[in-house]
């Protein structure tokens, strides 16, 4: 799959979860967050999308470290992950950092006041 992740949503509220994940990934890309997947392909009629790979699951990460990463996402990029569990953290050796995945359950907050959005000028 060329280093990409192919995800098809099924089950309860699949259409809503699909729409939310796509929306959140687009907002995070616009806001310049480097440690989340990018979204090169969307297929809403099939509830299917392709995202970039963010490494392997960080199965040894502690709940405390995961909580710190989720808090950083909210503080720096204005997105609250509503399934803030270690299973949604990966480690990307290319970036040398932890990444966050699976935004089906998330809340987009106003951008933090000090956020500099790439390509946007005052």
PDB file of N, CA and C in Angstrom:
ATOM      1  N   UNK A   1       0.809  -1.205   0.000  1.00  0.00           N
ATOM      2  CA  UNK A   1       0.000   0.000   0.000  1.00  0.00           C
ATOM      3  C   UNK A   1       0.846   1.259   0.000  1.00  0.00           C
ATOM      4  N   UNK A   2       2.093   1.192  -0.387  1.00  0.00           N
ATOM      5  CA  UNK A   2       2.965   2.346  -0.576  1.00  0.00           C
ATOM      6  C   UNK A   2       3.098   3.215   0.666  1.00  0.00           C
ATOM      7  N   UNK A   3       3.111   2.614   1.828  1.00  0.00           N
ATOM      8  CA  UNK A   3       3.289   3.374   3.052  1.00  0.00           C
ATOM      9  C   UNK A   3       2.060   4.135   3.495  1.00  0.00           C
ATOM     10  N   UNK A   4       0.925   3.869   2.882  1.00  0.00           N
ATOM     11  CA  UNK A   4      -0.302   4.547   3.277  1.00  0.00           C
ATOM     12  C   UNK A   4      -1.212   3.597   4.050  1.00  0.00           C
ATOM     13  N   UNK A   5      -2.171   4.184   4.741  1.00  0.00           N
ATOM     14  CA  UNK A   5      -3.154   3.429   5.493  1.00  0.00           C
ATOM     15  C   UNK A   5      -4.487   3.577   4.776  1.00  0.00           C
ATOM     16  N   UNK A   6      -5.151   2.464   4.511  1.00  0.00           N
ATOM     17  CA  UNK A   6      -6.454   2.451   3.843  1.00  0.00           C
ATOM     18  C   UNK A   6      -7.501   2.132   4.905  1.00  0.00           C
ATOM     19  N   UNK A   7      -8.461   3.041   5.068  1.00  0.00           N
ATOM     20  CA  UNK A   7      -9.434   2.873   6.148  1.00  0.00           C
ATOM     21  C   UNK A   7     -10.858   2.994   5.608  1.00  0.00           C
ATOM     22  N   UNK A   8     -11.648   1.985   5.874  1.00  0.00           N
ATOM     23  CA  UNK A   8     -13.073   1.963   5.495  1.00  0.00           C
ATOM     24  C   UNK A   8     -13.862   1.861   6.791  1.00  0.00           C
ATOM     25  N   UNK A   9     -14.747   2.817   7.029  1.00  0.00           N
ATOM     26  CA  UNK A   9     -15.526   2.813   8.256  1.00  0.00           C
ATOM     27  C   UNK A   9     -16.808   2.027   8.078  1.00  0.00           C
ATOM     28  N   UNK A  10     -17.126   1.241   9.092  1.00  0.00           N
ATOM     29  CA  UNK A  10     -18.335   0.425   9.114  1.00  0.00           C
ATOM     30  C   UNK A  10     -18.965   0.536  10.495  1.00  0.00           C
ATOM     31  N   UNK A  11     -20.147   0.005  10.623  1.00  0.00           N
ATOM     32  CA  UNK A  11     -20.776  -0.068  11.937  1.00  0.00           C
ATOM     33  C   UNK A  11     -21.589   1.165  12.283  1.00  0.00           C
ATOM     34  N   UNK A  12     -21.868   1.295  13.561  1.00  0.00           N
ATOM     35  CA  UNK A  12     -22.712   2.366  14.075  1.00  0.00           C
ATOM     36  C   UNK A  12     -22.166   3.743  13.712  1.00  0.00           C
ATOM     37  N   UNK A  13     -23.028   4.562  13.122  1.00  0.00           N
ATOM     38  CA  UNK A  13     -22.693   5.944  12.771  1.00  0.00           C
ATOM     39  C   UNK A  13     -21.437   6.063  11.913  1.00  0.00           C
ATOM     40  N   UNK A  14     -21.197   5.094  11.052  1.00  0.00           N
ATOM     41  CA  UNK A  14     -19.991   5.108  10.214  1.00  0.00           C
ATOM     42  C   UNK A  14     -19.900   6.386   9.388  1.00  0.00           C
ATOM     43  N   UNK A  15     -21.030   6.867   8.874  1.00  0.00           N
ATOM     44  CA  UNK A  15     -21.007   8.082   8.062  1.00  0.00           C
ATOM     45  C   UNK A  15     -20.582   9.299   8.881  1.00  0.00           C
ATOM     46  N   UNK A  16     -21.065   9.392  10.109  1.00  0.00           N
ATOM     47  CA  UNK A  16     -20.692  10.514  10.988  1.00  0.00           C
ATOM     48  C   UNK A  16     -19.231  10.407  11.422  1.00  0.00           C
ATOM     49  N   UNK A  17     -18.795   9.196  11.745  1.00  0.00           N
ATOM     50  CA  UNK A  17     -17.404   9.010  12.165  1.00  0.00           C
ATOM     51  C   UNK A  17     -16.448   9.298  11.011  1.00  0.00           C
ATOM     52  N   UNK A  18     -16.827   8.876   9.797  1.00  0.00           N
ATOM     53  CA  UNK A  18     -16.016   9.166   8.606  1.00  0.00           C
ATOM     54  C   UNK A  18     -15.889  10.679   8.427  1.00  0.00           C
ATOM     55  N   UNK A  19     -17.030  11.362   8.439  1.00  0.00           N
ATOM     56  CA  UNK A  19     -17.024  12.810   8.231  1.00  0.00           C
ATOM     57  C   UNK A  19     -16.185  13.516   9.282  1.00  0.00           C
ATOM     58  N   UNK A  20     -16.279  13.089  10.525  1.00  0.00           N
ATOM     59  CA  UNK A  20     -15.516  13.724  11.603  1.00  0.00           C
ATOM     60  C   UNK A  20     -14.017  13.500  11.420  1.00  0.00           C
ATOM     61  N   UNK A  21     -13.620  12.273  11.125  1.00  0.00           N
ATOM     62  CA  UNK A  21     -12.188  12.001  10.980  1.00  0.00           C
ATOM     63  C   UNK A  21     -11.593  12.803   9.824  1.00  0.00           C
ATOM     64  N   UNK A  22     -12.284  12.845   8.700  1.00  0.00           N
ATOM     65  CA  UNK A  22     -11.795  13.605   7.545  1.00  0.00           C
ATOM     66  C   UNK A  22     -11.713  15.095   7.895  1.00  0.00           C
ATOM     67  N   UNK A  23     -12.752  15.617   8.538  1.00  0.00           N
ATOM     68  CA  UNK A  23     -12.765  17.031   8.916  1.00  0.00           C
ATOM     69  C   UNK A  23     -11.591  17.362   9.846  1.00  0.00           C
ATOM     70  N   UNK A  24     -11.378  16.534  10.851  1.00  0.00           N
ATOM     71  CA  UNK A  24     -10.306  16.785  11.817  1.00  0.00           C
ATOM     72  C   UNK A  24      -8.940  16.713  11.136  1.00  0.00           C
ATOM     73  N   UNK A  25      -8.718  15.706  10.295  1.00  0.00           N
ATOM     74  CA  UNK A  25      -7.428  15.602   9.620  1.00  0.00           C
ATOM     75  C   UNK A  25      -7.159  16.818   8.727  1.00  0.00           C
ATOM     76  N   UNK A  26      -8.190  17.326   8.073  1.00  0.00           N
ATOM     77  CA  UNK A  26      -8.021  18.521   7.232  1.00  0.00           C
ATOM     78  C   UNK A  26      -7.683  19.747   8.084  1.00  0.00           C
ATOM     79  N   UNK A  27      -8.363  19.908   9.213  1.00  0.00           N
ATOM     80  CA  UNK A  27      -8.092  21.036  10.100  1.00  0.00           C
ATOM     81  C   UNK A  27      -6.665  20.955  10.639  1.00  0.00           C
ATOM     82  N   UNK A  28      -6.252  19.767  11.061  1.00  0.00           N
ATOM     83  CA  UNK A  28      -4.902  19.619  11.596  1.00  0.00           C
ATOM     84  C   UNK A  28      -3.842  19.877  10.534  1.00  0.00           C
ATOM     85  N   UNK A  29      -4.098  19.476   9.303  1.00  0.00           N
ATOM     86  CA  UNK A  29      -3.152  19.783   8.232  1.00  0.00           C
ATOM     87  C   UNK A  29      -3.104  21.292   7.996  1.00  0.00           C
ATOM     88  N   UNK A  30      -4.263  21.934   7.956  1.00  0.00           N
ATOM     89  CA  UNK A  30      -4.310  23.385   7.762  1.00  0.00           C
ATOM     90  C   UNK A  30      -3.577  24.115   8.879  1.00  0.00           C
ATOM     91  N   UNK A  31      -3.698  23.595  10.084  1.00  0.00           N
ATOM     92  CA  UNK A  31      -3.060  24.235  11.241  1.00  0.00           C
ATOM     93  C   UNK A  31      -1.592  23.843  11.391  1.00  0.00           C
ATOM     94  N   UNK A  32      -1.103  22.985  10.500  1.00  0.00           N
ATOM     95  CA  UNK A  32       0.320  22.665  10.465  1.00  0.00           C
ATOM     96  C   UNK A  32       0.807  21.632  11.456  1.00  0.00           C
ATOM     97  N   UNK A  33      -0.077  20.792  11.963  1.00  0.00           N
ATOM     98  CA  UNK A  33       0.334  19.764  12.932  1.00  0.00           C
ATOM     99  C   UNK A  33       1.150  18.686  12.219  1.00  0.00           C
ATOM    100  N   UNK A  34       2.415  18.478  12.615  1.00  0.00           N
ATOM    101  CA  UNK A  34       3.267  17.520  11.915  1.00  0.00           C
ATOM    102  C   UNK A  34       3.120  16.073  12.366  1.00  0.00           C
ATOM    103  N   UNK A  35       2.467  15.829  13.497  1.00  0.00           N
ATOM    104  CA  UNK A  35       2.457  14.475  14.053  1.00  0.00           C
ATOM    105  C   UNK A  35       1.093  13.788  13.983  1.00  0.00           C
ATOM    106  N   UNK A  36       0.418  14.005  12.849  1.00  0.00           N
ATOM    107  CA  UNK A  36      -0.838  13.308  12.547  1.00  0.00           C
ATOM    108  C   UNK A  36      -0.802  12.905  11.079  1.00  0.00           C
ATOM    109  N   UNK A  37      -1.639  11.945  10.689  1.00  0.00           N
ATOM    110  CA  UNK A  37      -1.652  11.539   9.275  1.00  0.00           C
ATOM    111  C   UNK A  37      -2.138  12.665   8.356  1.00  0.00           C
ATOM    112  N   UNK A  38      -1.703  12.601   7.114  1.00  0.00           N
ATOM    113  CA  UNK A  38      -2.222  13.467   6.042  1.00  0.00           C
ATOM    114  C   UNK A  38      -3.251  12.658   5.265  1.00  0.00           C
ATOM    115  N   UNK A  39      -4.063  13.339   4.488  1.00  0.00           N
ATOM    116  CA  UNK A  39      -5.201  12.712   3.835  1.00  0.00           C
ATOM    117  C   UNK A  39      -5.104  12.893   2.320  1.00  0.00           C
ATOM    118  N   UNK A  40      -4.350  12.024   1.617  1.00  0.00           N
ATOM    119  CA  UNK A  40      -4.230  12.192   0.172  1.00  0.00           C
ATOM    120  C   UNK A  40      -5.453  11.770  -0.638  1.00  0.00           C
ATOM    121  N   UNK A  41      -6.318  10.912  -0.076  1.00  0.00           N
ATOM    122  CA  UNK A  41      -7.494  10.444  -0.828  1.00  0.00           C
ATOM    123  C   UNK A  41      -8.713  10.350   0.067  1.00  0.00           C
ATOM    124  N   UNK A  42      -9.863  10.777  -0.492  1.00  0.00           N
ATOM    125  CA  UNK A  42     -11.144  10.639   0.199  1.00  0.00           C
ATOM    126  C   UNK A  42     -12.159  10.021  -0.753  1.00  0.00           C
ATOM    127  N   UNK A  43     -12.970   9.123  -0.230  1.00  0.00           N
ATOM    128  CA  UNK A  43     -14.040   8.494  -1.009  1.00  0.00           C
ATOM    129  C   UNK A  43     -15.286   8.454  -0.121  1.00  0.00           C
ATOM    130  N   UNK A  44     -15.948   9.609   0.063  1.00  0.00           N
ATOM    131  CA  UNK A  44     -17.062   9.680   1.021  1.00  0.00           C
ATOM    132  C   UNK A  44     -18.225   8.750   0.705  1.00  0.00           C
ATOM    133  N   UNK A  45     -18.478   8.509  -0.575  1.00  0.00           N
ATOM    134  CA  UNK A  45     -19.598   7.631  -0.923  1.00  0.00           C
ATOM    135  C   UNK A  45     -19.348   6.196  -0.470  1.00  0.00           C
ATOM    136  N   UNK A  46     -18.092   5.844  -0.265  1.00  0.00           N
ATOM    137  CA  UNK A  46     -17.728   4.502   0.200  1.00  0.00           C
ATOM    138  C   UNK A  46     -17.298   4.488   1.671  1.00  0.00           C
ATOM    139  N   UNK A  47     -17.314   5.654   2.314  1.00  0.00           N
ATOM    140  CA  UNK A  47     -16.818   5.809   3.696  1.00  0.00           C
ATOM    141  C   UNK A  47     -15.401   5.245   3.816  1.00  0.00           C
ATOM    142  N   UNK A  48     -14.576   5.635   2.858  1.00  0.00           N
ATOM    143  CA  UNK A  48     -13.220   5.092   2.710  1.00  0.00           C
ATOM    144  C   UNK A  48     -12.253   6.244   2.445  1.00  0.00           C
ATOM    145  N   UNK A  49     -11.101   6.213   3.097  1.00  0.00           N
ATOM    146  CA  UNK A  49     -10.058   7.194   2.797  1.00  0.00           C
ATOM    147  C   UNK A  49      -8.692   6.548   2.919  1.00  0.00           C
ATOM    148  N   UNK A  50      -7.716   7.248   2.375  1.00  0.00           N
ATOM    149  CA  UNK A  50      -6.323   6.835   2.459  1.00  0.00           C
ATOM    150  C   UNK A  50      -5.593   7.940   3.212  1.00  0.00           C
ATOM    151  N   UNK A  51      -4.808   7.554   4.205  1.00  0.00           N
ATOM    152  CA  UNK A  51      -4.002   8.518   4.936  1.00  0.00           C
ATOM    153  C   UNK A  51      -2.545   8.067   4.920  1.00  0.00           C
ATOM    154  N   UNK A  52      -1.674   8.992   5.248  1.00  0.00           N
ATOM    155  CA  UNK A  52      -0.263   8.643   5.322  1.00  0.00           C
ATOM    156  C   UNK A  52      -0.028   7.798   6.570  1.00  0.00           C
ATOM    157  N   UNK A  53       1.012   7.015   6.530  1.00  0.00           N
ATOM    158  CA  UNK A  53       1.365   6.136   7.634  1.00  0.00           C
ATOM    159  C   UNK A  53       2.135   6.935   8.685  1.00  0.00           C
ATOM    160  N   UNK A  54       1.766   6.746   9.936  1.00  0.00           N
ATOM    161  CA  UNK A  54       2.432   7.449  11.040  1.00  0.00           C
ATOM    162  C   UNK A  54       3.255   6.507  11.908  1.00  0.00           C
ATOM    163  N   UNK A  55       3.725   5.424  11.358  1.00  0.00           N
ATOM    164  CA  UNK A  55       4.578   4.526  12.126  1.00  0.00           C
ATOM    165  C   UNK A  55       3.826   3.380  12.772  1.00  0.00           C
ATOM    166  N   UNK A  56       4.490   2.756  13.726  1.00  0.00           N
ATOM    167  CA  UNK A  56       3.931   1.588  14.408  1.00  0.00           C
ATOM    168  C   UNK A  56       3.264   2.001  15.712  1.00  0.00           C
ATOM    169  N   UNK A  57       2.275   1.211  16.126  1.00  0.00           N
ATOM    170  CA  UNK A  57       1.645   1.473  17.412  1.00  0.00           C
ATOM    171  C   UNK A  57       2.701   1.509  18.506  1.00  0.00           C
ATOM    172  N   UNK A  58       2.565   2.470  19.386  1.00  0.00           N
ATOM    173  CA  UNK A  58       3.510   2.623  20.496  1.00  0.00           C
ATOM    174  C   UNK A  58       2.958   1.850  21.688  1.00  0.00           C
ATOM    175  N   UNK A  59       3.022   0.540  21.592  1.00  0.00           N
ATOM    176  CA  UNK A  59       2.360  -0.298  22.592  1.00  0.00           C
ATOM    177  C   UNK A  59       3.030  -0.282  23.967  1.00  0.00           C
ATOM    178  N   UNK A  60       4.191   0.320  24.084  1.00  0.00           N
ATOM    179  CA  UNK A  60       4.858   0.399  25.384  1.00  0.00           C
ATOM    180  C   UNK A  60       4.666   1.760  26.059  1.00  0.00           C
ATOM    181  N   UNK A  61       3.929   2.657  25.415  1.00  0.00           N
ATOM    182  CA  UNK A  61       3.761   4.004  25.957  1.00  0.00           C
ATOM    183  C   UNK A  61       2.855   3.974  27.194  1.00  0.00           C
ATOM    184  N   UNK A  62       3.202   4.762  28.186  1.00  0.00           N
ATOM    185  CA  UNK A  62       2.398   4.814  29.408  1.00  0.00           C
ATOM    186  C   UNK A  62       1.184   5.709  29.194  1.00  0.00           C
ATOM    187  N   UNK A  63       0.181   5.526  30.033  1.00  0.00           N
ATOM    188  CA  UNK A  63      -1.009   6.376  29.974  1.00  0.00           C
ATOM    189  C   UNK A  63      -0.627   7.838  30.233  1.00  0.00           C
ATOM    190  N   UNK A  64       0.334   8.049  31.108  1.00  0.00           N
ATOM    191  CA  UNK A  64       0.759   9.408  31.440  1.00  0.00           C
ATOM    192  C   UNK A  64       1.413  10.091  30.244  1.00  0.00           C
ATOM    193  N   UNK A  65       2.305   9.390  29.558  1.00  0.00           N
ATOM    194  CA  UNK A  65       2.961   9.952  28.377  1.00  0.00           C
ATOM    195  C   UNK A  65       1.938  10.206  27.273  1.00  0.00           C
ATOM    196  N   UNK A  66       1.011   9.268  27.061  1.00  0.00           N
ATOM    197  CA  UNK A  66      -0.038   9.456  26.062  1.00  0.00           C
ATOM    198  C   UNK A  66      -0.872  10.690  26.403  1.00  0.00           C
ATOM    199  N   UNK A  67      -1.231  10.853  27.665  1.00  0.00           N
ATOM    200  CA  UNK A  67      -2.025  12.007  28.086  1.00  0.00           C
ATOM    201  C   UNK A  67      -1.294  13.313  27.781  1.00  0.00           C
ATOM    202  N   UNK A  68       0.019  13.313  27.954  1.00  0.00           N
ATOM    203  CA  UNK A  68       0.826  14.498  27.648  1.00  0.00           C
ATOM    204  C   UNK A  68       0.770  14.830  26.159  1.00  0.00           C
ATOM    205  N   UNK A  69       0.816  13.819  25.322  1.00  0.00           N
ATOM    206  CA  UNK A  69       0.783  14.022  23.865  1.00  0.00           C
ATOM    207  C   UNK A  69      -0.587  14.539  23.431  1.00  0.00           C
ATOM    208  N   UNK A  70      -1.652  13.970  23.975  1.00  0.00           N
ATOM    209  CA  UNK A  70      -2.997  14.438  23.642  1.00  0.00           C
ATOM    210  C   UNK A  70      -3.213  15.875  24.133  1.00  0.00           C
ATOM    211  N   UNK A  71      -2.687  16.200  25.314  1.00  0.00           N
ATOM    212  CA  UNK A  71      -2.809  17.566  25.840  1.00  0.00           C
ATOM    213  C   UNK A  71      -2.063  18.558  24.951  1.00  0.00           C
ATOM    214  N   UNK A  72      -0.913  18.144  24.428  1.00  0.00           N
ATOM    215  CA  UNK A  72      -0.147  19.002  23.517  1.00  0.00           C
ATOM    216  C   UNK A  72      -0.947  19.279  22.241  1.00  0.00           C
ATOM    217  N   UNK A  73      -1.616  18.262  21.699  1.00  0.00           N
ATOM    218  CA  UNK A  73      -2.444  18.436  20.506  1.00  0.00           C
ATOM    219  C   UNK A  73      -3.532  19.479  20.763  1.00  0.00           C
ATOM    220  N   UNK A  74      -4.178  19.378  21.891  1.00  0.00           N
ATOM    221  CA  UNK A  74      -5.245  20.324  22.222  1.00  0.00           C
ATOM    222  C   UNK A  74      -4.688  21.729  22.446  1.00  0.00           C
ATOM    223  N   UNK A  75      -3.624  21.835  23.202  1.00  0.00           N
ATOM    224  CA  UNK A  75      -3.031  23.136  23.537  1.00  0.00           C
ATOM    225  C   UNK A  75      -2.451  23.844  22.315  1.00  0.00           C
ATOM    226  N   UNK A  76      -1.732  23.089  21.463  1.00  0.00           N
ATOM    227  CA  UNK A  76      -1.009  23.715  20.352  1.00  0.00           C
ATOM    228  C   UNK A  76      -1.814  23.807  19.057  1.00  0.00           C
ATOM    229  N   UNK A  77      -2.796  22.893  18.861  1.00  0.00           N
ATOM    230  CA  UNK A  77      -3.507  22.855  17.578  1.00  0.00           C
ATOM    231  C   UNK A  77      -5.026  22.926  17.699  1.00  0.00           C
ATOM    232  N   UNK A  78      -5.559  22.981  18.925  1.00  0.00           N
ATOM    233  CA  UNK A  78      -6.989  23.155  19.102  1.00  0.00           C
ATOM    234  C   UNK A  78      -7.846  21.980  18.686  1.00  0.00           C
ATOM    235  N   UNK A  79      -7.353  20.769  18.920  1.00  0.00           N
ATOM    236  CA  UNK A  79      -8.165  19.569  18.662  1.00  0.00           C
ATOM    237  C   UNK A  79      -8.119  18.697  19.913  1.00  0.00           C
ATOM    238  N   UNK A  80      -9.312  18.350  20.391  1.00  0.00           N
ATOM    239  CA  UNK A  80      -9.423  17.470  21.558  1.00  0.00           C
ATOM    240  C   UNK A  80      -9.801  16.078  21.060  1.00  0.00           C
ATOM    241  N   UNK A  81      -8.925  15.118  21.310  1.00  0.00           N
ATOM    242  CA  UNK A  81      -9.182  13.722  20.924  1.00  0.00           C
ATOM    243  C   UNK A  81     -10.080  13.126  22.000  1.00  0.00           C
ATOM    244  N   UNK A  82     -11.248  12.640  21.610  1.00  0.00           N
ATOM    245  CA  UNK A  82     -12.207  12.124  22.583  1.00  0.00           C
ATOM    246  C   UNK A  82     -12.040  10.634  22.860  1.00  0.00           C
ATOM    247  N   UNK A  83     -11.008  10.042  22.280  1.00  0.00           N
ATOM    248  CA  UNK A  83     -10.632   8.655  22.584  1.00  0.00           C
ATOM    249  C   UNK A  83      -9.138   8.666  22.882  1.00  0.00           C
ATOM    250  N   UNK A  84      -8.775   9.479  23.853  1.00  0.00           N
ATOM    251  CA  UNK A  84      -7.373   9.734  24.181  1.00  0.00           C
ATOM    252  C   UNK A  84      -6.766   8.564  24.960  1.00  0.00           C
ATOM    253  N   UNK A  85      -6.548   7.492  24.250  1.00  0.00           N
ATOM    254  CA  UNK A  85      -5.986   6.272  24.829  1.00  0.00           C
ATOM    255  C   UNK A  85      -4.665   5.943  24.150  1.00  0.00           C
ATOM    256  N   UNK A  86      -3.771   5.266  24.854  1.00  0.00           N
ATOM    257  CA  UNK A  86      -2.480   4.904  24.256  1.00  0.00           C
ATOM    258  C   UNK A  86      -2.585   4.149  22.935  1.00  0.00           C
ATOM    259  N   UNK A  87      -3.682   3.426  22.708  1.00  0.00           N
ATOM    260  CA  UNK A  87      -3.827   2.681  21.445  1.00  0.00           C
ATOM    261  C   UNK A  87      -3.894   3.610  20.229  1.00  0.00           C
ATOM    262  N   UNK A  88      -4.120   4.896  20.460  1.00  0.00           N
ATOM    263  CA  UNK A  88      -4.181   5.863  19.370  1.00  0.00           C
ATOM    264  C   UNK A  88      -2.907   6.681  19.226  1.00  0.00           C
ATOM    265  N   UNK A  89      -1.826   6.151  19.766  1.00  0.00           N
ATOM    266  CA  UNK A  89      -0.503   6.764  19.649  1.00  0.00           C
ATOM    267  C   UNK A  89       0.396   5.808  18.863  1.00  0.00           C
ATOM    268  N   UNK A  90       1.124   6.360  17.912  1.00  0.00           N
ATOM    269  CA  UNK A  90       2.119   5.587  17.167  1.00  0.00           C
ATOM    270  C   UNK A  90       3.478   6.254  17.353  1.00  0.00           C
ATOM    271  N   UNK A  91       4.510   5.536  16.942  1.00  0.00           N
ATOM    272  CA  UNK A  91       5.846   6.144  16.921  1.00  0.00           C
ATOM    273  C   UNK A  91       6.331   6.127  15.490  1.00  0.00           C
ATOM    274  N   UNK A  92       6.729   7.290  15.010  1.00  0.00           N
ATOM    275  CA  UNK A  92       7.219   7.434  13.648  1.00  0.00           C
ATOM    276  C   UNK A  92       8.727   7.641  13.694  1.00  0.00           C
ATOM    277  N   UNK A  93       9.513   6.611  13.355  1.00  0.00           N
ATOM    278  CA  UNK A  93      10.971   6.752  13.435  1.00  0.00           C
ATOM    279  C   UNK A  93      11.524   7.780  12.450  1.00  0.00           C
ATOM    280  N   UNK A  94      10.830   7.997  11.342  1.00  0.00           N
ATOM    281  CA  UNK A  94      11.270   9.004  10.371  1.00  0.00           C
ATOM    282  C   UNK A  94      11.218  10.401  10.982  1.00  0.00           C
ATOM    283  N   UNK A  95      10.142  10.676  11.729  1.00  0.00           N
ATOM    284  CA  UNK A  95      10.010  11.971  12.400  1.00  0.00           C
ATOM    285  C   UNK A  95      10.750  11.988  13.730  1.00  0.00           C
ATOM    286  N   UNK A  96      10.968  10.804  14.293  1.00  0.00           N
ATOM    287  CA  UNK A  96      11.592  10.719  15.608  1.00  0.00           C
ATOM    288  C   UNK A  96      10.661  11.193  16.710  1.00  0.00           C
ATOM    289  N   UNK A  97       9.348  11.010  16.512  1.00  0.00           N
ATOM    290  CA  UNK A  97       8.402  11.426  17.538  1.00  0.00           C
ATOM    291  C   UNK A  97       7.132  10.583  17.514  1.00  0.00           C
ATOM    292  N   UNK A  98       6.361  10.742  18.578  1.00  0.00           N
ATOM    293  CA  UNK A  98       5.077  10.068  18.681  1.00  0.00           C
ATOM    294  C   UNK A  98       4.054  10.810  17.831  1.00  0.00           C
ATOM    295  N   UNK A  99       3.108  10.067  17.294  1.00  0.00           N
ATOM    296  CA  UNK A  99       2.044  10.626  16.469  1.00  0.00           C
ATOM    297  C   UNK A  99       0.701  10.182  17.025  1.00  0.00           C
ATOM    298  N   UNK A 100      -0.350  10.889  16.605  1.00  0.00           N
ATOM    299  CA  UNK A 100      -1.704  10.577  17.043  1.00  0.00           C
ATOM    300  C   UNK A 100      -2.519  10.157  15.829  1.00  0.00           C
ATOM    301  N   UNK A 101      -3.326   9.121  16.017  1.00  0.00           N
ATOM    302  CA  UNK A 101      -4.162   8.592  14.933  1.00  0.00           C
ATOM    303  C   UNK A 101      -5.612   8.460  15.395  1.00  0.00           C
ATOM    304  N   UNK A 102      -6.481   8.092  14.453  1.00  0.00           N
ATOM    305  CA  UNK A 102      -7.885   7.736  14.708  1.00  0.00           C
ATOM    306  C   UNK A 102      -8.683   8.882  15.337  1.00  0.00           C
ATOM    307  N   UNK A 103      -9.116   9.788  14.485  1.00  0.00           N
ATOM    308  CA  UNK A 103      -9.837  10.971  14.928  1.00  0.00           C
ATOM    309  C   UNK A 103     -11.342  10.878  14.696  1.00  0.00           C
ATOM    310  N   UNK A 104     -11.888   9.670  14.685  1.00  0.00           N
ATOM    311  CA  UNK A 104     -13.335   9.497  14.514  1.00  0.00           C
ATOM    312  C   UNK A 104     -14.095  10.180  15.639  1.00  0.00           C
ATOM    313  N   UNK A 105     -13.504  10.165  16.807  1.00  0.00           N
ATOM    314  CA  UNK A 105     -14.081  10.804  17.985  1.00  0.00           C
ATOM    315  C   UNK A 105     -13.151  11.936  18.398  1.00  0.00           C
ATOM    316  N   UNK A 106     -13.467  13.129  17.967  1.00  0.00           N
ATOM    317  CA  UNK A 106     -12.625  14.286  18.281  1.00  0.00           C
ATOM    318  C   UNK A 106     -13.475  15.542  18.206  1.00  0.00           C
ATOM    319  N   UNK A 107     -12.969  16.584  18.810  1.00  0.00           N
ATOM    320  CA  UNK A 107     -13.659  17.872  18.814  1.00  0.00           C
ATOM    321  C   UNK A 107     -12.690  18.942  18.316  1.00  0.00           C
ATOM    322  N   UNK A 108     -13.138  19.707  17.343  1.00  0.00           N
ATOM    323  CA  UNK A 108     -12.328  20.808  16.831  1.00  0.00           C
ATOM    324  C   UNK A 108     -12.649  22.046  17.664  1.00  0.00           C
ATOM    325  N   UNK A 109     -11.632  22.591  18.274  1.00  0.00           N
ATOM    326  CA  UNK A 109     -11.756  23.790  19.092  1.00  0.00           C
ATOM    327  C   UNK A 109     -11.251  24.984  18.287  1.00  0.00           C
ATOM    328  N   UNK A 110     -11.525  26.190  18.738  1.00  0.00           N
ATOM    329  CA  UNK A 110     -10.930  27.340  18.050  1.00  0.00           C
ATOM    330  C   UNK A 110      -9.408  27.211  18.063  1.00  0.00           C
ATOM    331  N   UNK A 111      -8.745  27.718  17.021  1.00  0.00           N
ATOM    332  CA  UNK A 111      -7.287  27.634  17.025  1.00  0.00           C
ATOM    333  C   UNK A 111      -6.710  28.420  18.199  1.00  0.00           C
ATOM    334  N   UNK A 112      -5.663  27.914  18.799  1.00  0.00           N
ATOM    335  CA  UNK A 112      -5.032  28.657  19.888  1.00  0.00           C
ATOM    336  C   UNK A 112      -4.592  30.039  19.387  1.00  0.00           C
ATOM    337  N   UNK A 113      -4.654  31.051  20.247  1.00  0.00           N
ATOM    338  CA  UNK A 113      -4.347  32.413  19.810  1.00  0.00           C
ATOM    339  C   UNK A 113      -2.931  32.583  19.251  1.00  0.00           C
ATOM    340  N   UNK A 114      -1.995  31.792  19.726  1.00  0.00           N
ATOM    341  CA  UNK A 114      -0.611  31.948  19.266  1.00  0.00           C
ATOM    342  C   UNK A 114      -0.249  31.006  18.110  1.00  0.00           C
ATOM    343  N   UNK A 115      -1.241  30.315  17.547  1.00  0.00           N
ATOM    344  CA  UNK A 115      -0.975  29.394  16.441  1.00  0.00           C
ATOM    345  C   UNK A 115      -0.701  30.174  15.171  1.00  0.00           C
ATOM    346  N   UNK A 116       0.395  29.866  14.538  1.00  0.00           N
ATOM    347  CA  UNK A 116       0.730  30.455  13.242  1.00  0.00           C
ATOM    348  C   UNK A 116       0.380  29.418  12.190  1.00  0.00           C
ATOM    349  N   UNK A 117      -0.632  29.697  11.389  1.00  0.00           N
ATOM    350  CA  UNK A 117      -1.097  28.753  10.388  1.00  0.00           C
ATOM    351  C   UNK A 117      -0.281  28.963   9.120  1.00  0.00           C
ATOM    352  N   UNK A 118       0.420  27.926   8.637  1.00  0.00           N
ATOM    353  CA  UNK A 118       1.242  28.052   7.436  1.00  0.00           C
ATOM    354  C   UNK A 118       0.418  28.569   6.255  1.00  0.00           C
ATOM    355  N   UNK A 119       0.961  29.551   5.547  1.00  0.00           N
ATOM    356  CA  UNK A 119       0.294  30.077   4.361  1.00  0.00           C
ATOM    357  C   UNK A 119      -0.785  31.106   4.645  1.00  0.00           C
ATOM    358  N   UNK A 120      -1.068  31.381   5.918  1.00  0.00           N
ATOM    359  CA  UNK A 120      -2.085  32.386   6.274  1.00  0.00           C
ATOM    360  C   UNK A 120      -1.362  33.610   6.853  1.00  0.00           C
ATOM    361  N   UNK A 121      -1.696  34.761   6.342  1.00  0.00           N
ATOM    362  CA  UNK A 121      -1.061  35.993   6.803  1.00  0.00           C
ATOM    363  C   UNK A 121      -2.115  36.952   7.311  1.00  0.00           C
ATOM    364  N   UNK A 122      -1.734  37.725   8.281  1.00  0.00           N
ATOM    365  CA  UNK A 122      -2.650  38.723   8.856  1.00  0.00           C
ATOM    366  C   UNK A 122      -2.615  39.974   8.010  1.00  0.00           C
TER     367      UNK A 122
END
